[in-house]
PDB file of all heavy atoms in Angstrom:
ATOM      1  N   GLY A   1    -137.369  17.238 210.694  1.00  0.00           N
ATOM      2  CA  GLY A   1    -136.402  16.532 209.936  1.00  0.00           C
ATOM      3  C   GLY A   1    -135.453  15.735 210.804  1.00  0.00           C
ATOM      4  O   GLY A   1    -135.200  14.537 210.541  1.00  0.00           O
ATOM      5  N   SER A   2    -134.949  16.352 211.854  1.00  0.00           N
ATOM      6  CA  SER A   2    -134.023  15.611 212.748  1.00  0.00           C
ATOM      7  C   SER A   2    -134.792  14.502 213.511  1.00  0.00           C
ATOM      8  O   SER A   2    -134.251  13.398 213.699  1.00  0.00           O
ATOM      9  CB  SER A   2    -133.442  16.631 213.753  1.00  0.00           C
ATOM     10  OG  SER A   2    -134.418  17.242 214.557  1.00  0.00           O
ATOM     11  N   GLN A   3    -136.036  14.735 213.852  1.00  0.00           N
ATOM     12  CA  GLN A   3    -136.867  13.753 214.549  1.00  0.00           C
ATOM     13  C   GLN A   3    -137.165  12.590 213.588  1.00  0.00           C
ATOM     14  O   GLN A   3    -137.153  11.395 213.978  1.00  0.00           O
ATOM     15  CB  GLN A   3    -138.156  14.322 215.026  1.00  0.00           C
ATOM     16  CG  GLN A   3    -138.983  13.381 215.945  1.00  0.00           C
ATOM     17  CD  GLN A   3    -140.236  14.026 216.470  1.00  0.00           C
ATOM     18  OE1 GLN A   3    -140.607  15.156 216.039  1.00  0.00           O
ATOM     19  NE2 GLN A   3    -140.865  13.465 217.412  1.00  0.00           N
ATOM     20  N   PHE A   4    -137.330  12.909 212.282  1.00  0.00           N
ATOM     21  CA  PHE A   4    -137.575  11.841 211.265  1.00  0.00           C
ATOM     22  C   PHE A   4    -136.367  10.936 211.158  1.00  0.00           C
ATOM     23  O   PHE A   4    -136.491   9.700 211.148  1.00  0.00           O
ATOM     24  CB  PHE A   4    -137.880  12.483 209.928  1.00  0.00           C
ATOM     25  CG  PHE A   4    -137.897  11.491 208.794  1.00  0.00           C
ATOM     26  CD1 PHE A   4    -139.011  10.712 208.590  1.00  0.00           C
ATOM     27  CD2 PHE A   4    -136.844  11.389 207.908  1.00  0.00           C
ATOM     28  CE1 PHE A   4    -139.056   9.778 207.570  1.00  0.00           C
ATOM     29  CE2 PHE A   4    -136.888  10.481 206.874  1.00  0.00           C
ATOM     30  CZ  PHE A   4    -138.000   9.680 206.669  1.00  0.00           C
ATOM     31  N   LEU A   5    -135.154  11.526 211.165  1.00  0.00           N
ATOM     32  CA  LEU A   5    -133.948  10.674 211.092  1.00  0.00           C
ATOM     33  C   LEU A   5    -133.780   9.840 212.341  1.00  0.00           C
ATOM     34  O   LEU A   5    -133.342   8.686 212.291  1.00  0.00           O
ATOM     35  CB  LEU A   5    -132.695  11.570 210.909  1.00  0.00           C
ATOM     36  CG  LEU A   5    -132.543  12.240 209.534  1.00  0.00           C
ATOM     37  CD1 LEU A   5    -131.351  13.169 209.534  1.00  0.00           C
ATOM     38  CD2 LEU A   5    -132.392  11.164 208.478  1.00  0.00           C
ATOM     39  N   ALA A   6    -134.132  10.414 213.476  1.00  0.00           N
ATOM     40  CA  ALA A   6    -134.057   9.615 214.703  1.00  0.00           C
ATOM     41  C   ALA A   6    -135.018   8.468 214.676  1.00  0.00           C
ATOM     42  O   ALA A   6    -134.710   7.333 215.048  1.00  0.00           O
ATOM     43  CB  ALA A   6    -134.392  10.533 215.921  1.00  0.00           C
ATOM     44  N   LYS A   7    -136.246   8.668 214.140  1.00  0.00           N
ATOM     45  CA  LYS A   7    -137.231   7.588 214.013  1.00  0.00           C
ATOM     46  C   LYS A   7    -136.735   6.548 213.040  1.00  0.00           C
ATOM     47  O   LYS A   7    -136.975   5.336 213.217  1.00  0.00           O
ATOM     48  CB  LYS A   7    -138.569   8.135 213.634  1.00  0.00           C
ATOM     49  CG  LYS A   7    -139.273   8.951 214.718  1.00  0.00           C
ATOM     50  CD  LYS A   7    -140.663   9.421 214.240  1.00  0.00           C
ATOM     51  CE  LYS A   7    -141.389  10.146 215.336  1.00  0.00           C
ATOM     52  NZ  LYS A   7    -142.723  10.680 214.903  1.00  0.00           N
ATOM     53  N   GLN A   8    -136.098   7.000 211.940  1.00  0.00           N
ATOM     54  CA  GLN A   8    -135.621   6.064 210.943  1.00  0.00           C
ATOM     55  C   GLN A   8    -134.525   5.159 211.596  1.00  0.00           C
ATOM     56  O   GLN A   8    -134.488   3.985 211.302  1.00  0.00           O
ATOM     57  CB  GLN A   8    -135.012   6.842 209.759  1.00  0.00           C
ATOM     58  CG  GLN A   8    -136.072   7.469 208.889  1.00  0.00           C
ATOM     59  CD  GLN A   8    -137.030   6.525 208.254  1.00  0.00           C
ATOM     60  OE1 GLN A   8    -136.603   5.495 207.714  1.00  0.00           O
ATOM     61  NE2 GLN A   8    -138.334   6.777 208.394  1.00  0.00           N
ATOM     62  N   ALA A   9    -133.661   5.774 212.386  1.00  0.00           N
ATOM     63  CA  ALA A   9    -132.611   4.983 213.089  1.00  0.00           C
ATOM     64  C   ALA A   9    -133.236   3.918 213.975  1.00  0.00           C
ATOM     65  O   ALA A   9    -132.880   2.790 214.007  1.00  0.00           O
ATOM     66  CB  ALA A   9    -131.709   5.878 213.869  1.00  0.00           C
ATOM     67  N   LEU A  10    -134.307   4.341 214.727  1.00  0.00           N
ATOM     68  CA  LEU A  10    -134.958   3.413 215.590  1.00  0.00           C
ATOM     69  C   LEU A  10    -135.704   2.338 214.840  1.00  0.00           C
ATOM     70  O   LEU A  10    -135.679   1.164 215.185  1.00  0.00           O
ATOM     71  CB  LEU A  10    -135.971   4.184 216.457  1.00  0.00           C
ATOM     72  CG  LEU A  10    -136.805   3.322 217.463  1.00  0.00           C
ATOM     73  CD1 LEU A  10    -135.887   2.662 218.495  1.00  0.00           C
ATOM     74  CD2 LEU A  10    -137.845   4.217 218.176  1.00  0.00           C
ATOM     75  N   GLY A  11    -136.306   2.757 213.693  1.00  0.00           N
ATOM     76  CA  GLY A  11    -137.041   1.810 212.833  1.00  0.00           C
ATOM     77  C   GLY A  11    -136.152   0.770 212.250  1.00  0.00           C
ATOM     78  O   GLY A  11    -136.441  -0.405 212.145  1.00  0.00           O
ATOM     79  N   ILE A  12    -134.929   1.227 211.761  1.00  0.00           N
ATOM     80  CA  ILE A  12    -134.005   0.275 211.156  1.00  0.00           C
ATOM     81  C   ILE A  12    -133.540  -0.681 212.218  1.00  0.00           C
ATOM     82  O   ILE A  12    -133.339  -1.875 211.974  1.00  0.00           O
ATOM     83  CB  ILE A  12    -132.853   1.056 210.497  1.00  0.00           C
ATOM     84  CG1 ILE A  12    -133.335   1.769 209.287  1.00  0.00           C
ATOM     85  CG2 ILE A  12    -131.714   0.041 210.118  1.00  0.00           C
ATOM     86  CD1 ILE A  12    -132.316   2.610 208.588  1.00  0.00           C
ATOM     87  N   GLY A  13    -133.292  -0.190 213.419  1.00  0.00           N
ATOM     88  CA  GLY A  13    -132.870  -1.078 214.505  1.00  0.00           C
ATOM     89  C   GLY A  13    -133.917  -2.106 214.823  1.00  0.00           C
ATOM     90  O   GLY A  13    -133.588  -3.271 215.136  1.00  0.00           O
ATOM     91  N   GLN A  14    -135.150  -1.688 214.842  1.00  0.00           N
ATOM     92  CA  GLN A  14    -136.273  -2.633 215.163  1.00  0.00           C
ATOM     93  C   GLN A  14    -136.619  -3.563 214.006  1.00  0.00           C
ATOM     94  O   GLN A  14    -137.148  -4.651 214.214  1.00  0.00           O
ATOM     95  CB  GLN A  14    -137.494  -1.872 215.564  1.00  0.00           C
ATOM     96  CG  GLN A  14    -137.324  -1.086 216.862  1.00  0.00           C
ATOM     97  CD  GLN A  14    -138.564  -0.248 217.162  1.00  0.00           C
ATOM     98  OE1 GLN A  14    -139.387  -0.011 216.309  1.00  0.00           O
ATOM     99  NE2 GLN A  14    -138.607   0.206 218.416  1.00  0.00           N
ATOM    100  N   ASN A  15    -136.288  -3.174 212.753  1.00  0.00           N
ATOM    101  CA  ASN A  15    -136.630  -3.959 211.571  1.00  0.00           C
ATOM    102  C   ASN A  15    -135.373  -4.343 210.798  1.00  0.00           C
ATOM    103  O   ASN A  15    -135.346  -4.255 209.549  1.00  0.00           O
ATOM    104  CB  ASN A  15    -137.579  -3.172 210.689  1.00  0.00           C
ATOM    105  CG  ASN A  15    -138.871  -2.787 211.369  1.00  0.00           C
ATOM    106  OD1 ASN A  15    -139.713  -3.637 211.738  1.00  0.00           O
ATOM    107  ND2 ASN A  15    -139.054  -1.450 211.571  1.00  0.00           N
ATOM    108  N   THR A  16    -134.362  -4.706 211.512  1.00  0.00           N
ATOM    109  CA  THR A  16    -133.069  -5.041 210.901  1.00  0.00           C
ATOM    110  C   THR A  16    -133.252  -6.219 209.939  1.00  0.00           C
ATOM    111  O   THR A  16    -132.712  -6.221 208.811  1.00  0.00           O
ATOM    112  CB  THR A  16    -131.987  -5.369 211.947  1.00  0.00           C
ATOM    113  OG1 THR A  16    -131.878  -4.245 212.834  1.00  0.00           O
ATOM    114  CG2 THR A  16    -130.651  -5.671 211.301  1.00  0.00           C
ATOM    115  N   PHE A  17    -133.998  -7.238 210.373  1.00  0.00           N
ATOM    116  CA  PHE A  17    -134.203  -8.383 209.550  1.00  0.00           C
ATOM    117  C   PHE A  17    -134.896  -8.022 208.217  1.00  0.00           C
ATOM    118  O   PHE A  17    -134.456  -8.477 207.155  1.00  0.00           O
ATOM    119  CB  PHE A  17    -134.986  -9.433 210.300  1.00  0.00           C
ATOM    120  CG  PHE A  17    -135.358 -10.674 209.432  1.00  0.00           C
ATOM    121  CD1 PHE A  17    -134.350 -11.658 209.193  1.00  0.00           C
ATOM    122  CD2 PHE A  17    -136.620 -10.851 208.970  1.00  0.00           C
ATOM    123  CE1 PHE A  17    -134.700 -12.722 208.402  1.00  0.00           C
ATOM    124  CE2 PHE A  17    -136.935 -11.912 208.197  1.00  0.00           C
ATOM    125  CZ  PHE A  17    -135.966 -12.890 207.925  1.00  0.00           C
ATOM    126  N   GLN A  18    -135.926  -7.224 208.331  1.00  0.00           N
ATOM    127  CA  GLN A  18    -136.632  -6.827 207.100  1.00  0.00           C
ATOM    128  C   GLN A  18    -135.818  -6.050 206.178  1.00  0.00           C
ATOM    129  O   GLN A  18    -135.864  -6.171 204.933  1.00  0.00           O
ATOM    130  CB  GLN A  18    -137.844  -6.058 207.532  1.00  0.00           C
ATOM    131  CG  GLN A  18    -138.795  -5.598 206.333  1.00  0.00           C
ATOM    132  CD  GLN A  18    -140.070  -4.873 206.768  1.00  0.00           C
ATOM    133  OE1 GLN A  18    -140.245  -4.693 207.978  1.00  0.00           O
ATOM    134  NE2 GLN A  18    -140.767  -4.414 205.825  1.00  0.00           N
ATOM    135  N   PHE A  19    -134.913  -5.092 206.759  1.00  0.00           N
ATOM    136  CA  PHE A  19    -134.032  -4.327 205.925  1.00  0.00           C
ATOM    137  C   PHE A  19    -133.076  -5.186 205.144  1.00  0.00           C
ATOM    138  O   PHE A  19    -132.884  -5.056 203.927  1.00  0.00           O
ATOM    139  CB  PHE A  19    -133.304  -3.328 206.832  1.00  0.00           C
ATOM    140  CG  PHE A  19    -132.202  -2.537 206.104  1.00  0.00           C
ATOM    141  CD1 PHE A  19    -132.520  -1.488 205.264  1.00  0.00           C
ATOM    142  CD2 PHE A  19    -130.889  -2.899 206.262  1.00  0.00           C
ATOM    143  CE1 PHE A  19    -131.546  -0.784 204.564  1.00  0.00           C
ATOM    144  CE2 PHE A  19    -129.908  -2.217 205.546  1.00  0.00           C
ATOM    145  CZ  PHE A  19    -130.251  -1.158 204.753  1.00  0.00           C
ATOM    146  N   PHE A  20    -132.409  -6.086 205.856  1.00  0.00           N
ATOM    147  CA  PHE A  20    -131.417  -6.930 205.196  1.00  0.00           C
ATOM    148  C   PHE A  20    -132.073  -7.944 204.268  1.00  0.00           C
ATOM    149  O   PHE A  20    -131.483  -8.430 203.313  1.00  0.00           O
ATOM    150  CB  PHE A  20    -130.549  -7.682 206.204  1.00  0.00           C
ATOM    151  CG  PHE A  20    -129.462  -6.742 206.793  1.00  0.00           C
ATOM    152  CD1 PHE A  20    -129.630  -6.175 208.042  1.00  0.00           C
ATOM    153  CD2 PHE A  20    -128.347  -6.445 206.072  1.00  0.00           C
ATOM    154  CE1 PHE A  20    -128.645  -5.304 208.547  1.00  0.00           C
ATOM    155  CE2 PHE A  20    -127.382  -5.596 206.558  1.00  0.00           C
ATOM    156  CZ  PHE A  20    -127.530  -5.030 207.799  1.00  0.00           C
ATOM    157  N   LEU A  21    -133.328  -8.335 204.577  1.00  0.00           N
ATOM    158  CA  LEU A  21    -134.082  -9.204 203.654  1.00  0.00           C
ATOM    159  C   LEU A  21    -134.308  -8.491 202.304  1.00  0.00           C
ATOM    160  O   LEU A  21    -134.110  -9.123 201.266  1.00  0.00           O
ATOM    161  CB  LEU A  21    -135.394  -9.628 204.270  1.00  0.00           C
ATOM    162  CG  LEU A  21    -136.316 -10.476 203.410  1.00  0.00           C
ATOM    163  CD1 LEU A  21    -135.648 -11.814 203.046  1.00  0.00           C
ATOM    164  CD2 LEU A  21    -137.668 -10.679 204.050  1.00  0.00           C
ATOM    165  N   GLY A  22    -134.698  -7.228 202.410  1.00  0.00           N
ATOM    166  CA  GLY A  22    -134.920  -6.449 201.159  1.00  0.00           C
ATOM    167  C   GLY A  22    -133.602  -6.299 200.410  1.00  0.00           C
ATOM    168  O   GLY A  22    -133.596  -6.346 199.173  1.00  0.00           O
ATOM    169  N   LEU A  23    -132.486  -6.030 201.121  1.00  0.00           N
ATOM    170  CA  LEU A  23    -131.197  -5.855 200.502  1.00  0.00           C
ATOM    171  C   LEU A  23    -130.751  -7.150 199.790  1.00  0.00           C
ATOM    172  O   LEU A  23    -130.281  -7.131 198.658  1.00  0.00           O
ATOM    173  CB  LEU A  23    -130.146  -5.416 201.522  1.00  0.00           C
ATOM    174  CG  LEU A  23    -128.726  -5.212 201.022  1.00  0.00           C
ATOM    175  CD1 LEU A  23    -128.688  -4.104 199.967  1.00  0.00           C
ATOM    176  CD2 LEU A  23    -127.796  -4.887 202.163  1.00  0.00           C
ATOM    177  N   ALA A  24    -130.936  -8.295 200.480  1.00  0.00           N
ATOM    178  CA  ALA A  24    -130.568  -9.586 199.926  1.00  0.00           C
ATOM    179  C   ALA A  24    -131.428  -9.938 198.717  1.00  0.00           C
ATOM    180  O   ALA A  24    -130.917 -10.449 197.707  1.00  0.00           O
ATOM    181  CB  ALA A  24    -130.709 -10.665 201.000  1.00  0.00           C
ATOM    182  N   LEU A  25    -132.738  -9.562 198.806  1.00  0.00           N
ATOM    183  CA  LEU A  25    -133.588  -9.818 197.671  1.00  0.00           C
ATOM    184  C   LEU A  25    -133.178  -8.999 196.431  1.00  0.00           C
ATOM    185  O   LEU A  25    -133.168  -9.483 195.307  1.00  0.00           O
ATOM    186  CB  LEU A  25    -135.053  -9.515 198.022  1.00  0.00           C
ATOM    187  CG  LEU A  25    -136.065  -9.702 196.911  1.00  0.00           C
ATOM    188  CD1 LEU A  25    -136.125 -11.155 196.468  1.00  0.00           C
ATOM    189  CD2 LEU A  25    -137.461  -9.302 197.415  1.00  0.00           C
ATOM    190  N   MET A  26    -132.796  -7.740 196.661  1.00  0.00           N
ATOM    191  CA  MET A  26    -132.341  -6.879 195.603  1.00  0.00           C
ATOM    192  C   MET A  26    -131.079  -7.464 194.881  1.00  0.00           C
ATOM    193  O   MET A  26    -131.035  -7.504 193.650  1.00  0.00           O
ATOM    194  CB  MET A  26    -132.069  -5.471 196.103  1.00  0.00           C
ATOM    195  CG  MET A  26    -131.660  -4.467 195.059  1.00  0.00           C
ATOM    196  SD  MET A  26    -130.982  -2.972 195.741  1.00  0.00           S
ATOM    197  CE  MET A  26    -129.341  -3.542 196.344  1.00  0.00           C
TER     198      MET A  26
END
């Protein structure tokens, strides 16, 4: 579980544009 959160943090950092694109689309 803790490793999953760490990967999520890394994934969000690497895919910041995709995350905010989804948020803006919503």
